[in-house]
Amino acid sequence: MRRLVLILALMFPLLAHGAAISEYDLKAAFVYNFASFADWPPQAAPGMSVCVIGKDPFGRALDALEGKVVKGQGLTVRRIKTIAEVRACRILFISASEEKNLPRLLAAVKNLPVLTVADIDDAAYQGVMIGIAIEKQRITFEINASAARHASIALSSRLLSLARNVYSPP
């Protein structure tokens, strides 16, 4: 329940208590919470690795998650360069710089237990499991439930209820 409260708190405007909060500080917190609200099948990659492919927009924000415990496992953060490396990831953050490679990246993880997250326009509609966006100075997200289901990743109903849109094509 505490994590649900954190997600709700993060959905408030990017300005809090008069101080600007970095967009990617918030997105890093969202990624952490997405991990908390997902369940992976036994054949998922060992550990709880968050991988970033493409130009890293997080800077140190994502590094702050290193070592935090999610589902009893210490979280690790990796920057990867090649599609071949995605198999070792539990969560794959697809940077906006990889928009033109999105179809190839999604094909590489198709039916693999890798939770895909991106801040590319219409990412969830295109097949990414969770698409993050800024809307009216708030971070929102959309979910492609079908993509998660095909990867055998179960997303919490609480997370689904917070999403701006949930796509569930067959």
N, C-alpha and C. Protein backbone atom coordinates (compact mmCIF):
# COMPACT_ATOMS: atom_id res chain seq x y z
N MET A 1 0.82 -1.19 0.00
CA MET A 1 0.00 0.00 0.00
C MET A 1 0.87 1.26 0.00
N ARG A 2 2.01 1.22 0.71
CA ARG A 2 2.91 2.37 0.77
C ARG A 2 3.40 2.75 -0.62
N ARG A 3 3.69 1.75 -1.45
CA ARG A 3 4.16 2.02 -2.81
C ARG A 3 3.06 2.65 -3.65
N LEU A 4 1.83 2.23 -3.43
CA LEU A 4 0.71 2.82 -4.14
C LEU A 4 0.60 4.30 -3.80
N VAL A 5 0.76 4.63 -2.54
CA VAL A 5 0.72 6.03 -2.11
C VAL A 5 1.86 6.80 -2.79
N LEU A 6 3.04 6.20 -2.89
CA LEU A 6 4.17 6.86 -3.55
C LEU A 6 3.85 7.15 -5.01
N ILE A 7 3.25 6.20 -5.70
CA ILE A 7 2.90 6.43 -7.11
C ILE A 7 1.89 7.57 -7.20
N LEU A 8 0.89 7.56 -6.35
CA LEU A 8 -0.10 8.64 -6.39
C LEU A 8 0.56 9.99 -6.11
N ALA A 9 1.47 10.03 -5.15
CA ALA A 9 2.17 11.27 -4.84
C ALA A 9 2.99 11.75 -6.03
N LEU A 10 3.58 10.83 -6.75
CA LEU A 10 4.41 11.20 -7.88
C LEU A 10 3.59 11.68 -9.07
N MET A 11 2.31 11.42 -9.06
CA MET A 11 1.48 11.85 -10.18
C MET A 11 1.09 13.33 -10.05
N PHE A 12 1.43 13.96 -8.93
CA PHE A 12 1.17 15.38 -8.77
C PHE A 12 2.12 16.18 -9.63
N PRO A 13 1.91 17.45 -9.79
CA PRO A 13 2.75 18.25 -10.68
C PRO A 13 4.24 18.13 -10.36
N LEU A 14 5.05 18.45 -11.37
CA LEU A 14 6.50 18.36 -11.24
C LEU A 14 7.07 19.38 -10.28
N LEU A 15 6.27 20.33 -9.84
CA LEU A 15 6.73 21.30 -8.85
C LEU A 15 6.14 20.90 -7.51
N ALA A 16 7.00 20.72 -6.53
CA ALA A 16 6.52 20.32 -5.21
C ALA A 16 7.21 21.18 -4.16
N HIS A 17 6.45 21.72 -3.25
CA HIS A 17 7.00 22.53 -2.17
C HIS A 17 7.88 23.66 -2.71
N GLY A 18 7.52 24.20 -3.86
CA GLY A 18 8.24 25.32 -4.42
C GLY A 18 9.56 24.99 -5.10
N ALA A 19 9.99 23.75 -5.07
CA ALA A 19 11.27 23.37 -5.68
C ALA A 19 11.00 22.48 -6.89
N ALA A 20 11.73 22.73 -7.95
CA ALA A 20 11.57 21.91 -9.15
C ALA A 20 12.15 20.53 -8.91
N ILE A 21 11.42 19.52 -9.33
CA ILE A 21 11.89 18.15 -9.26
C ILE A 21 12.19 17.71 -10.68
N SER A 22 13.31 17.09 -10.87
CA SER A 22 13.70 16.65 -12.20
C SER A 22 12.69 15.64 -12.74
N GLU A 23 12.37 15.81 -14.01
CA GLU A 23 11.47 14.87 -14.68
C GLU A 23 12.01 13.44 -14.56
N TYR A 24 13.30 13.27 -14.72
CA TYR A 24 13.86 11.92 -14.70
C TYR A 24 14.09 11.39 -13.29
N ASP A 25 14.12 12.25 -12.28
CA ASP A 25 14.08 11.77 -10.89
C ASP A 25 12.74 11.08 -10.66
N LEU A 26 11.68 11.73 -11.14
CA LEU A 26 10.35 11.15 -10.99
C LEU A 26 10.19 9.89 -11.82
N LYS A 27 10.68 9.92 -13.05
CA LYS A 27 10.56 8.73 -13.90
C LYS A 27 11.35 7.56 -13.33
N ALA A 28 12.48 7.83 -12.69
CA ALA A 28 13.23 6.76 -12.03
C ALA A 28 12.40 6.16 -10.90
N ALA A 29 11.73 7.01 -10.13
CA ALA A 29 10.86 6.51 -9.06
C ALA A 29 9.71 5.68 -9.63
N PHE A 30 9.17 6.10 -10.76
CA PHE A 30 8.13 5.32 -11.41
C PHE A 30 8.65 3.95 -11.82
N VAL A 31 9.84 3.91 -12.41
CA VAL A 31 10.42 2.62 -12.82
C VAL A 31 10.56 1.70 -11.62
N TYR A 32 11.04 2.23 -10.51
CA TYR A 32 11.16 1.45 -9.28
C TYR A 32 9.79 0.89 -8.87
N ASN A 33 8.78 1.74 -8.91
CA ASN A 33 7.45 1.29 -8.51
C ASN A 33 6.85 0.30 -9.51
N PHE A 34 7.14 0.48 -10.78
CA PHE A 34 6.66 -0.51 -11.76
C PHE A 34 7.21 -1.89 -11.40
N ALA A 35 8.47 -1.95 -11.00
CA ALA A 35 9.07 -3.23 -10.61
C ALA A 35 8.34 -3.82 -9.41
N SER A 36 7.91 -2.97 -8.51
CA SER A 36 7.20 -3.44 -7.31
C SER A 36 5.81 -3.98 -7.63
N PHE A 37 5.23 -3.51 -8.71
CA PHE A 37 3.87 -3.91 -9.07
C PHE A 37 3.82 -4.93 -10.20
N ALA A 38 4.94 -5.57 -10.48
CA ALA A 38 5.00 -6.59 -11.54
C ALA A 38 5.48 -7.91 -10.94
N ASP A 39 5.00 -9.00 -11.50
CA ASP A 39 5.46 -10.33 -11.12
C ASP A 39 5.97 -11.04 -12.36
N TRP A 40 7.19 -11.55 -12.26
CA TRP A 40 7.84 -12.23 -13.37
C TRP A 40 7.73 -13.74 -13.21
N PRO A 41 7.74 -14.47 -14.32
CA PRO A 41 7.72 -15.94 -14.24
C PRO A 41 9.08 -16.46 -13.79
N PRO A 42 9.16 -17.72 -13.37
CA PRO A 42 10.43 -18.28 -12.88
C PRO A 42 11.57 -18.24 -13.90
N GLN A 43 11.27 -18.26 -15.19
CA GLN A 43 12.33 -18.27 -16.19
C GLN A 43 12.90 -16.89 -16.49
N ALA A 44 12.48 -15.86 -15.76
CA ALA A 44 13.01 -14.51 -15.98
C ALA A 44 14.48 -14.46 -15.61
N ALA A 45 15.17 -13.48 -16.17
CA ALA A 45 16.60 -13.30 -15.88
C ALA A 45 16.80 -13.20 -14.37
N PRO A 46 17.88 -13.77 -13.86
CA PRO A 46 18.13 -13.69 -12.41
C PRO A 46 18.42 -12.25 -11.99
N GLY A 47 18.13 -11.95 -10.74
CA GLY A 47 18.37 -10.60 -10.24
C GLY A 47 17.27 -9.65 -10.69
N MET A 48 17.43 -8.41 -10.31
CA MET A 48 16.45 -7.38 -10.65
C MET A 48 17.19 -6.25 -11.36
N SER A 49 17.53 -6.48 -12.63
CA SER A 49 18.31 -5.49 -13.36
C SER A 49 17.42 -4.59 -14.20
N VAL A 50 17.68 -3.30 -14.07
CA VAL A 50 17.03 -2.29 -14.90
C VAL A 50 18.07 -1.88 -15.93
N CYS A 51 17.74 -2.05 -17.19
CA CYS A 51 18.66 -1.70 -18.27
C CYS A 51 18.12 -0.51 -19.03
N VAL A 52 19.02 0.36 -19.45
CA VAL A 52 18.67 1.49 -20.29
C VAL A 52 19.37 1.29 -21.62
N ILE A 53 18.60 1.35 -22.70
CA ILE A 53 19.21 1.26 -24.03
C ILE A 53 18.98 2.59 -24.74
N GLY A 54 20.01 3.07 -25.38
CA GLY A 54 19.96 4.36 -26.06
C GLY A 54 20.56 5.44 -25.19
N LYS A 55 20.38 6.68 -25.62
CA LYS A 55 20.91 7.82 -24.88
C LYS A 55 20.23 7.90 -23.51
N ASP A 56 21.04 7.81 -22.47
CA ASP A 56 20.52 7.75 -21.10
C ASP A 56 20.01 9.12 -20.64
N PRO A 57 18.69 9.27 -20.46
CA PRO A 57 18.16 10.56 -20.02
C PRO A 57 18.17 10.73 -18.49
N PHE A 58 18.49 9.68 -17.76
CA PHE A 58 18.36 9.70 -16.30
C PHE A 58 19.51 10.39 -15.58
N GLY A 59 20.71 10.31 -16.13
CA GLY A 59 21.86 10.79 -15.37
C GLY A 59 22.00 9.97 -14.10
N ARG A 60 22.17 10.63 -12.99
CA ARG A 60 22.33 9.93 -11.71
C ARG A 60 21.02 9.49 -11.07
N ALA A 61 19.89 9.95 -11.60
CA ALA A 61 18.59 9.64 -10.99
C ALA A 61 18.35 8.14 -10.90
N LEU A 62 18.65 7.41 -11.94
CA LEU A 62 18.43 5.97 -11.93
C LEU A 62 19.48 5.27 -11.06
N ASP A 63 20.68 5.80 -11.03
CA ASP A 63 21.74 5.21 -10.20
C ASP A 63 21.35 5.20 -8.72
N ALA A 64 20.50 6.12 -8.31
CA ALA A 64 20.06 6.18 -6.91
C ALA A 64 19.26 4.94 -6.52
N LEU A 65 18.75 4.19 -7.52
CA LEU A 65 18.00 2.98 -7.23
C LEU A 65 18.90 1.77 -6.97
N GLU A 66 20.16 1.88 -7.36
CA GLU A 66 21.10 0.77 -7.22
C GLU A 66 21.09 0.24 -5.78
N GLY A 67 20.86 -1.07 -5.64
CA GLY A 67 20.88 -1.71 -4.34
C GLY A 67 19.55 -1.71 -3.61
N LYS A 68 18.59 -0.90 -4.04
CA LYS A 68 17.27 -0.93 -3.39
C LYS A 68 16.67 -2.31 -3.61
N VAL A 69 15.92 -2.78 -2.64
CA VAL A 69 15.37 -4.13 -2.71
C VAL A 69 13.96 -4.09 -3.28
N VAL A 70 13.74 -4.92 -4.29
CA VAL A 70 12.43 -5.07 -4.92
C VAL A 70 12.15 -6.56 -4.99
N LYS A 71 11.03 -6.95 -4.39
CA LYS A 71 10.64 -8.37 -4.42
C LYS A 71 11.76 -9.26 -3.86
N GLY A 72 12.44 -8.77 -2.83
CA GLY A 72 13.49 -9.55 -2.18
C GLY A 72 14.82 -9.59 -2.91
N GLN A 73 14.95 -8.80 -3.97
CA GLN A 73 16.18 -8.80 -4.75
C GLN A 73 16.75 -7.39 -4.86
N GLY A 74 18.07 -7.29 -4.79
CA GLY A 74 18.72 -6.00 -4.94
C GLY A 74 18.67 -5.55 -6.39
N LEU A 75 18.30 -4.31 -6.59
CA LEU A 75 18.17 -3.76 -7.93
C LEU A 75 19.55 -3.33 -8.46
N THR A 76 19.81 -3.63 -9.71
CA THR A 76 21.03 -3.17 -10.38
C THR A 76 20.63 -2.36 -11.60
N VAL A 77 21.48 -1.42 -11.95
CA VAL A 77 21.23 -0.55 -13.10
C VAL A 77 22.35 -0.77 -14.11
N ARG A 78 21.96 -0.98 -15.36
CA ARG A 78 22.93 -1.20 -16.44
C ARG A 78 22.58 -0.34 -17.63
N ARG A 79 23.59 0.18 -18.28
CA ARG A 79 23.40 0.85 -19.57
C ARG A 79 23.88 -0.14 -20.61
N ILE A 80 23.01 -0.45 -21.55
CA ILE A 80 23.39 -1.44 -22.56
C ILE A 80 23.45 -0.78 -23.93
N LYS A 81 24.21 -1.39 -24.81
CA LYS A 81 24.42 -0.82 -26.14
C LYS A 81 23.79 -1.65 -27.25
N THR A 82 23.64 -2.97 -27.03
CA THR A 82 23.18 -3.82 -28.12
C THR A 82 21.89 -4.54 -27.76
N ILE A 83 21.16 -4.90 -28.80
CA ILE A 83 19.92 -5.63 -28.62
C ILE A 83 20.17 -6.99 -27.97
N ALA A 84 21.30 -7.59 -28.25
CA ALA A 84 21.62 -8.91 -27.68
C ALA A 84 21.66 -8.88 -26.16
N GLU A 85 21.94 -7.73 -25.57
CA GLU A 85 22.06 -7.62 -24.12
C GLU A 85 20.71 -7.58 -23.39
N VAL A 86 19.61 -7.40 -24.10
CA VAL A 86 18.32 -7.23 -23.44
C VAL A 86 17.85 -8.49 -22.71
N ARG A 87 18.33 -9.63 -23.12
CA ARG A 87 17.90 -10.89 -22.49
C ARG A 87 18.29 -10.98 -21.01
N ALA A 88 19.30 -10.23 -20.60
CA ALA A 88 19.76 -10.27 -19.21
C ALA A 88 19.04 -9.24 -18.35
N CYS A 89 18.04 -8.57 -18.88
CA CYS A 89 17.33 -7.51 -18.17
C CYS A 89 15.99 -8.00 -17.64
N ARG A 90 15.59 -7.48 -16.50
CA ARG A 90 14.23 -7.68 -16.02
C ARG A 90 13.35 -6.55 -16.51
N ILE A 91 13.92 -5.33 -16.48
CA ILE A 91 13.22 -4.14 -16.96
C ILE A 91 14.10 -3.49 -18.01
N LEU A 92 13.53 -3.18 -19.14
CA LEU A 92 14.26 -2.52 -20.22
C LEU A 92 13.63 -1.16 -20.44
N PHE A 93 14.39 -0.09 -20.13
CA PHE A 93 13.93 1.26 -20.41
C PHE A 93 14.46 1.64 -21.78
N ILE A 94 13.54 1.90 -22.70
CA ILE A 94 13.90 2.25 -24.07
C ILE A 94 13.87 3.77 -24.18
N SER A 95 15.03 4.33 -24.35
CA SER A 95 15.18 5.78 -24.44
C SER A 95 14.52 6.31 -25.71
N ALA A 96 14.11 7.57 -25.66
CA ALA A 96 13.50 8.21 -26.83
C ALA A 96 14.44 8.22 -28.03
N SER A 97 15.76 8.16 -27.78
CA SER A 97 16.72 8.13 -28.89
C SER A 97 16.62 6.84 -29.70
N GLU A 98 15.92 5.83 -29.17
CA GLU A 98 15.78 4.54 -29.85
C GLU A 98 14.44 4.39 -30.55
N GLU A 99 13.72 5.49 -30.72
CA GLU A 99 12.39 5.41 -31.33
C GLU A 99 12.42 4.71 -32.69
N LYS A 100 13.42 5.00 -33.51
CA LYS A 100 13.47 4.38 -34.83
C LYS A 100 13.79 2.89 -34.74
N ASN A 101 14.39 2.45 -33.65
CA ASN A 101 14.72 1.03 -33.44
C ASN A 101 13.66 0.28 -32.64
N LEU A 102 12.58 0.97 -32.28
CA LEU A 102 11.57 0.36 -31.42
C LEU A 102 11.05 -0.97 -31.97
N PRO A 103 10.68 -1.09 -33.23
CA PRO A 103 10.19 -2.39 -33.72
C PRO A 103 11.22 -3.52 -33.53
N ARG A 104 12.50 -3.23 -33.80
CA ARG A 104 13.54 -4.27 -33.62
C ARG A 104 13.72 -4.63 -32.15
N LEU A 105 13.66 -3.63 -31.27
CA LEU A 105 13.81 -3.90 -29.84
C LEU A 105 12.64 -4.74 -29.32
N LEU A 106 11.44 -4.39 -29.74
CA LEU A 106 10.27 -5.16 -29.30
C LEU A 106 10.30 -6.58 -29.85
N ALA A 107 10.78 -6.75 -31.07
CA ALA A 107 10.92 -8.09 -31.64
C ALA A 107 11.94 -8.91 -30.84
N ALA A 108 12.99 -8.26 -30.36
CA ALA A 108 14.04 -8.97 -29.62
C ALA A 108 13.55 -9.48 -28.27
N VAL A 109 12.57 -8.80 -27.67
CA VAL A 109 12.07 -9.23 -26.36
C VAL A 109 10.71 -9.90 -26.44
N LYS A 110 10.21 -10.05 -27.65
CA LYS A 110 8.88 -10.66 -27.80
C LYS A 110 8.83 -12.01 -27.08
N ASN A 111 7.82 -12.16 -26.24
CA ASN A 111 7.57 -13.37 -25.45
C ASN A 111 8.65 -13.66 -24.41
N LEU A 112 9.58 -12.73 -24.18
CA LEU A 112 10.56 -12.88 -23.10
C LEU A 112 10.04 -12.13 -21.88
N PRO A 113 10.35 -12.61 -20.67
CA PRO A 113 9.88 -11.93 -19.46
C PRO A 113 10.73 -10.69 -19.13
N VAL A 114 10.66 -9.71 -20.03
CA VAL A 114 11.37 -8.44 -19.86
C VAL A 114 10.31 -7.34 -19.89
N LEU A 115 10.17 -6.62 -18.79
CA LEU A 115 9.20 -5.53 -18.70
C LEU A 115 9.75 -4.34 -19.48
N THR A 116 9.07 -3.95 -20.54
CA THR A 116 9.53 -2.84 -21.37
C THR A 116 8.85 -1.54 -20.93
N VAL A 117 9.66 -0.49 -20.81
CA VAL A 117 9.20 0.83 -20.41
C VAL A 117 9.85 1.83 -21.36
N ALA A 118 9.10 2.83 -21.80
CA ALA A 118 9.67 3.83 -22.71
C ALA A 118 8.99 5.18 -22.51
N ASP A 119 9.73 6.23 -22.83
CA ASP A 119 9.12 7.56 -22.84
C ASP A 119 9.04 8.09 -24.27
N ILE A 120 8.57 7.22 -25.13
CA ILE A 120 8.35 7.51 -26.55
C ILE A 120 6.85 7.71 -26.74
N ASP A 121 6.46 8.71 -27.54
CA ASP A 121 5.03 8.95 -27.79
C ASP A 121 4.34 7.67 -28.27
N ASP A 122 3.20 7.39 -27.68
CA ASP A 122 2.37 6.23 -28.04
C ASP A 122 3.11 4.90 -27.89
N ALA A 123 4.06 4.84 -26.97
CA ALA A 123 4.86 3.62 -26.79
C ALA A 123 3.99 2.41 -26.47
N ALA A 124 3.05 2.56 -25.54
CA ALA A 124 2.21 1.41 -25.17
C ALA A 124 1.35 0.97 -26.34
N TYR A 125 0.86 1.91 -27.10
CA TYR A 125 0.06 1.58 -28.28
C TYR A 125 0.89 0.81 -29.30
N GLN A 126 2.21 1.11 -29.34
CA GLN A 126 3.11 0.45 -30.30
C GLN A 126 3.60 -0.91 -29.81
N GLY A 127 3.32 -1.28 -28.55
CA GLY A 127 3.71 -2.59 -28.05
C GLY A 127 4.62 -2.60 -26.85
N VAL A 128 5.05 -1.42 -26.38
CA VAL A 128 5.82 -1.34 -25.14
C VAL A 128 4.85 -1.58 -23.99
N MET A 129 5.27 -2.28 -22.96
CA MET A 129 4.37 -2.62 -21.87
C MET A 129 3.91 -1.40 -21.08
N ILE A 130 4.84 -0.46 -20.82
CA ILE A 130 4.48 0.74 -20.08
C ILE A 130 5.10 1.95 -20.79
N GLY A 131 4.25 2.85 -21.20
CA GLY A 131 4.70 4.09 -21.83
C GLY A 131 4.52 5.24 -20.86
N ILE A 132 5.60 5.97 -20.59
CA ILE A 132 5.56 7.11 -19.66
C ILE A 132 5.49 8.39 -20.48
N ALA A 133 4.70 9.35 -20.01
CA ALA A 133 4.57 10.62 -20.71
C ALA A 133 4.38 11.75 -19.70
N ILE A 134 4.58 12.96 -20.17
CA ILE A 134 4.28 14.15 -19.39
C ILE A 134 3.02 14.75 -19.99
N GLU A 135 2.04 14.98 -19.15
CA GLU A 135 0.78 15.54 -19.61
C GLU A 135 0.35 16.60 -18.61
N LYS A 136 0.26 17.83 -19.05
CA LYS A 136 -0.12 18.95 -18.17
C LYS A 136 0.77 18.99 -16.94
N GLN A 137 2.06 18.91 -17.14
CA GLN A 137 3.09 18.96 -16.10
C GLN A 137 2.97 17.81 -15.09
N ARG A 138 2.36 16.72 -15.49
CA ARG A 138 2.25 15.54 -14.63
C ARG A 138 2.78 14.34 -15.40
N ILE A 139 3.40 13.44 -14.67
CA ILE A 139 3.83 12.19 -15.29
C ILE A 139 2.65 11.24 -15.29
N THR A 140 2.37 10.72 -16.46
CA THR A 140 1.30 9.74 -16.61
C THR A 140 1.89 8.51 -17.30
N PHE A 141 1.14 7.46 -17.32
CA PHE A 141 1.60 6.27 -18.03
C PHE A 141 0.44 5.50 -18.60
N GLU A 142 0.75 4.79 -19.67
CA GLU A 142 -0.20 3.90 -20.32
C GLU A 142 0.37 2.50 -20.28
N ILE A 143 -0.50 1.51 -20.31
CA ILE A 143 -0.08 0.12 -20.22
C ILE A 143 -0.62 -0.68 -21.40
N ASN A 144 0.25 -1.51 -21.94
CA ASN A 144 -0.18 -2.48 -22.95
C ASN A 144 -0.25 -3.83 -22.23
N ALA A 145 -1.43 -4.14 -21.73
CA ALA A 145 -1.63 -5.36 -20.94
C ALA A 145 -1.39 -6.61 -21.76
N SER A 146 -1.70 -6.54 -23.04
CA SER A 146 -1.50 -7.69 -23.91
C SER A 146 -0.01 -8.02 -24.04
N ALA A 147 0.83 -7.00 -24.21
CA ALA A 147 2.27 -7.22 -24.32
C ALA A 147 2.82 -7.85 -23.04
N ALA A 148 2.35 -7.37 -21.89
CA ALA A 148 2.79 -7.95 -20.62
C ALA A 148 2.34 -9.41 -20.51
N ARG A 149 1.12 -9.67 -20.87
CA ARG A 149 0.57 -11.03 -20.81
C ARG A 149 1.37 -11.98 -21.70
N HIS A 150 1.71 -11.55 -22.92
CA HIS A 150 2.48 -12.40 -23.84
C HIS A 150 3.89 -12.69 -23.30
N ALA A 151 4.39 -11.81 -22.44
CA ALA A 151 5.71 -12.01 -21.83
C ALA A 151 5.61 -12.73 -20.49
N SER A 152 4.40 -13.13 -20.11
CA SER A 152 4.14 -13.81 -18.83
C SER A 152 4.48 -12.94 -17.63
N ILE A 153 4.31 -11.63 -17.79
CA ILE A 153 4.51 -10.69 -16.68
C ILE A 153 3.13 -10.25 -16.21
N ALA A 154 2.87 -10.44 -14.93
CA ALA A 154 1.59 -10.05 -14.35
C ALA A 154 1.73 -8.66 -13.73
N LEU A 155 0.90 -7.73 -14.18
CA LEU A 155 0.90 -6.39 -13.63
C LEU A 155 -0.25 -6.26 -12.64
N SER A 156 0.03 -5.67 -11.51
CA SER A 156 -0.95 -5.53 -10.45
C SER A 156 -2.18 -4.75 -10.92
N SER A 157 -3.34 -5.16 -10.44
CA SER A 157 -4.57 -4.44 -10.78
C SER A 157 -4.51 -3.00 -10.26
N ARG A 158 -3.78 -2.78 -9.16
CA ARG A 158 -3.62 -1.41 -8.65
C ARG A 158 -2.87 -0.54 -9.66
N LEU A 159 -1.83 -1.12 -10.27
CA LEU A 159 -1.08 -0.38 -11.27
C LEU A 159 -1.96 -0.10 -12.48
N LEU A 160 -2.70 -1.10 -12.92
CA LEU A 160 -3.59 -0.94 -14.07
C LEU A 160 -4.63 0.16 -13.81
N SER A 161 -5.11 0.25 -12.58
CA SER A 161 -6.13 1.25 -12.26
C SER A 161 -5.58 2.67 -12.28
N LEU A 162 -4.26 2.82 -12.11
CA LEU A 162 -3.64 4.16 -12.12
C LEU A 162 -3.26 4.63 -13.52
N ALA A 163 -3.24 3.71 -14.47
CA ALA A 163 -2.82 4.05 -15.83
C ALA A 163 -3.84 4.95 -16.51
N ARG A 164 -3.34 5.86 -17.33
CA ARG A 164 -4.21 6.75 -18.09
C ARG A 164 -5.01 5.96 -19.11
N ASN A 165 -4.36 4.98 -19.76
CA ASN A 165 -5.01 4.08 -20.71
C ASN A 165 -4.43 2.69 -20.52
N VAL A 166 -5.25 1.69 -20.73
CA VAL A 166 -4.79 0.31 -20.74
C VAL A 166 -5.22 -0.30 -22.07
N TYR A 167 -4.23 -0.69 -22.87
CA TYR A 167 -4.50 -1.34 -24.15
C TYR A 167 -4.45 -2.83 -23.92
N SER A 168 -5.42 -3.53 -24.49
CA SER A 168 -5.46 -4.98 -24.33
C SER A 168 -5.88 -5.66 -25.62
N PRO A 169 -5.14 -5.39 -26.72
CA PRO A 169 -5.48 -6.10 -27.95
C PRO A 169 -5.18 -7.59 -27.81
N PRO A 170 -5.78 -8.43 -28.63
CA PRO A 170 -5.56 -9.89 -28.50
C PRO A 170 -4.12 -10.29 -28.74
